[in-house]
């Protein structure tokens, strides 16, 4: 019951914050920011879809004749359903740490930025250069120039209620 009330609260907040503004989903340059902007909105609501799932959501709410905007009236019911069904939940902290530990074969407790960049840009859903810079700005220890992944994961995760 609490989760449903919280989902309704988040959608209400989104509605009152954006009701007079269409949600812009791509820029004139069409440089893939179509997914990044709508993804930011969805992630701000506590949902973390993969890039493929994000493409599916965009396809569902996009106009038949693309205008450059997603209208809130189409976005609201889709996001309400996503929130009510508790889709795209974040990965638990312990699993993220396990993933970093797989990369940290020497069990140092940290990763070199070059090593992590190699994995994140060449495998799975590759990070863009901009995403790498954004992540390193938050993850990189400024004194030691390494990523203490346990600290980074605890900073980036949210408590599930």
Protein backbone atom coordinates (compact mmCIF):
# COMPACT_ATOMS: atom_id res chain seq x y z
CA UNK A 1 0.00 0.00 0.00
CA UNK A 2 2.79 2.44 0.94
CA UNK A 3 4.54 1.86 -2.38
CA UNK A 4 1.39 2.72 -4.32
CA UNK A 5 0.87 5.91 -2.34
CA UNK A 6 4.50 6.88 -2.90
CA UNK A 7 4.18 6.18 -6.64
CA UNK A 8 1.07 8.36 -6.84
CA UNK A 9 2.90 11.09 -4.92
CA UNK A 10 5.85 10.98 -7.34
CA UNK A 11 3.57 11.11 -10.39
CA UNK A 12 1.58 13.99 -8.83
CA UNK A 13 4.80 15.88 -8.20
CA UNK A 14 5.87 15.28 -11.79
CA UNK A 15 2.47 16.41 -13.07
CA UNK A 16 2.43 19.65 -11.13
CA UNK A 17 6.07 20.35 -11.95
CA UNK A 18 5.74 19.81 -15.68
CA UNK A 19 2.03 20.02 -16.58
CA UNK A 20 2.48 23.12 -18.74
CA UNK A 21 5.70 21.97 -20.38
CA UNK A 22 5.96 19.27 -23.02
CA UNK A 23 8.83 16.90 -22.28
CA UNK A 24 11.57 17.54 -24.83
CA UNK A 25 13.09 14.26 -25.96
CA UNK A 26 15.55 15.17 -28.67
CA UNK A 27 17.57 18.08 -29.86
CA UNK A 28 18.06 19.51 -33.33
CA UNK A 29 21.38 17.70 -33.78
CA UNK A 30 19.69 14.31 -33.13
CA UNK A 31 22.84 13.07 -31.36
CA UNK A 32 21.17 10.40 -29.20
CA UNK A 33 20.22 12.87 -26.45
CA UNK A 34 16.66 11.80 -27.25
CA UNK A 35 17.15 8.95 -24.78
CA UNK A 36 19.31 10.76 -22.29
CA UNK A 37 16.81 13.50 -21.45
CA UNK A 38 13.77 11.28 -21.04
CA UNK A 39 16.01 8.78 -19.22
CA UNK A 40 16.99 11.48 -16.74
CA UNK A 41 13.33 12.14 -15.96
CA UNK A 42 12.57 8.43 -15.57
CA UNK A 43 15.63 7.86 -13.35
CA UNK A 44 14.67 10.84 -11.20
CA UNK A 45 11.49 8.89 -10.41
CA UNK A 46 13.55 5.99 -9.04
CA UNK A 47 13.35 3.76 -12.12
CA UNK A 48 16.46 2.46 -13.84
CA UNK A 49 15.65 0.88 -17.21
CA UNK A 50 18.35 -0.43 -19.52
CA UNK A 51 18.94 1.45 -22.77
CA UNK A 52 16.81 -1.13 -24.59
CA UNK A 53 13.94 -0.71 -22.10
CA UNK A 54 14.29 3.06 -22.40
CA UNK A 55 13.95 2.78 -26.19
CA UNK A 56 10.75 0.76 -25.65
CA UNK A 57 9.28 3.41 -23.34
CA UNK A 58 10.11 6.19 -25.80
CA UNK A 59 8.56 4.23 -28.66
CA UNK A 60 5.40 3.81 -26.59
CA UNK A 61 4.97 7.52 -25.81
CA UNK A 62 6.36 9.04 -29.01
CA UNK A 63 4.00 10.68 -31.48
CA UNK A 64 3.35 8.91 -34.79
CA UNK A 65 4.75 11.98 -36.52
CA UNK A 66 7.76 12.89 -34.36
CA UNK A 67 7.59 16.52 -33.25
CA UNK A 68 10.59 16.63 -30.97
CA UNK A 69 8.43 16.47 -27.87
CA UNK A 70 6.71 13.85 -25.79
CA UNK A 71 3.44 15.20 -24.54
CA UNK A 72 2.85 14.79 -20.85
CA UNK A 73 -0.59 13.29 -21.47
CA UNK A 74 1.04 10.30 -23.18
CA UNK A 75 3.93 10.05 -20.72
CA UNK A 76 1.84 10.15 -17.53
CA UNK A 77 -0.12 6.88 -17.96
CA UNK A 78 2.97 4.97 -19.07
CA UNK A 79 5.03 6.17 -16.11
CA UNK A 80 2.14 5.62 -13.71
CA UNK A 81 1.98 1.99 -14.84
CA UNK A 82 5.77 1.61 -14.53
CA UNK A 83 5.73 3.03 -10.99
CA UNK A 84 2.69 1.05 -9.87
CA UNK A 85 4.20 -2.20 -11.16
CA UNK A 86 7.56 -1.29 -9.58
CA UNK A 87 9.39 -1.93 -12.82
CA UNK A 88 13.05 -1.10 -13.40
CA UNK A 89 14.08 -1.26 -9.76
CA UNK A 90 17.69 -0.33 -8.98
CA UNK A 91 20.28 -3.06 -8.61
CA UNK A 92 20.96 -3.73 -4.90
CA UNK A 93 24.19 -2.33 -3.45
CA UNK A 94 25.72 -5.73 -2.66
CA UNK A 95 25.35 -6.87 -6.29
CA UNK A 96 27.02 -3.71 -7.58
CA UNK A 97 29.93 -4.25 -5.21
CA UNK A 98 30.21 -7.87 -6.38
CA UNK A 99 30.39 -6.65 -9.99
CA UNK A 100 33.23 -4.26 -9.13
CA UNK A 101 35.00 -7.01 -7.18
CA UNK A 102 35.01 -9.18 -10.31
CA UNK A 103 36.94 -6.40 -12.06
CA UNK A 104 39.24 -5.98 -9.05
CA UNK A 105 41.02 -9.31 -9.51
CA UNK A 106 43.85 -8.34 -7.16
CA UNK A 107 41.40 -7.42 -4.36
CA UNK A 108 42.88 -3.93 -3.89
CA UNK A 109 39.53 -2.30 -3.05
CA UNK A 110 39.88 0.17 -5.90
CA UNK A 111 40.11 0.31 -9.69
CA UNK A 112 42.31 2.39 -11.94
CA UNK A 113 40.24 4.76 -14.12
CA UNK A 114 41.79 3.45 -17.36
CA UNK A 115 40.90 -0.13 -16.43
CA UNK A 116 37.29 0.74 -15.62
CA UNK A 117 36.95 2.90 -18.73
CA UNK A 118 38.08 -0.03 -20.87
CA UNK A 119 35.36 -2.27 -19.43
CA UNK A 120 32.61 0.35 -19.59
CA UNK A 121 33.27 1.50 -23.15
CA UNK A 122 34.05 -1.84 -24.79
CA UNK A 123 31.61 -4.30 -23.21
CA UNK A 124 27.84 -4.50 -22.68
CA UNK A 125 25.96 -1.25 -23.24
CA UNK A 126 28.97 1.02 -23.84
CA UNK A 127 29.25 4.31 -22.00
CA UNK A 128 29.75 7.46 -24.05
CA UNK A 129 32.71 9.75 -23.41
CA UNK A 130 30.34 12.21 -21.71
CA UNK A 131 28.96 9.48 -19.44
CA UNK A 132 32.50 8.40 -18.53
CA UNK A 133 33.49 11.97 -17.63
CA UNK A 134 30.33 12.40 -15.56
CA UNK A 135 30.95 9.16 -13.70
CA UNK A 136 34.63 9.89 -13.08
CA UNK A 137 33.77 13.34 -11.72
CA UNK A 138 31.81 11.59 -8.96
CA UNK A 139 33.79 8.36 -8.57
CA UNK A 140 37.44 9.34 -8.85
CA UNK A 141 39.30 9.98 -5.60
CA UNK A 142 41.00 13.35 -6.24
CA UNK A 143 44.02 12.57 -4.06
CA UNK A 144 44.83 9.04 -5.20
CA UNK A 145 43.33 9.19 -8.75
CA UNK A 146 41.62 5.79 -8.30
CA UNK A 147 38.02 4.65 -7.82
CA UNK A 148 37.28 3.23 -4.38
CA UNK A 149 34.27 1.31 -5.62
CA UNK A 150 32.64 0.55 -2.26
CA UNK A 151 32.53 4.27 -1.47
CA UNK A 152 31.27 5.05 -4.96
CA UNK A 153 28.52 2.41 -4.83
CA UNK A 154 27.29 3.54 -1.40
CA UNK A 155 27.20 7.13 -2.65
CA UNK A 156 25.24 6.21 -5.78
CA UNK A 157 22.66 3.77 -4.39
CA UNK A 158 19.36 4.46 -2.68
CA UNK A 159 17.71 2.58 0.14
CA UNK A 160 14.79 0.45 -1.05
CA UNK A 161 11.67 0.92 1.06
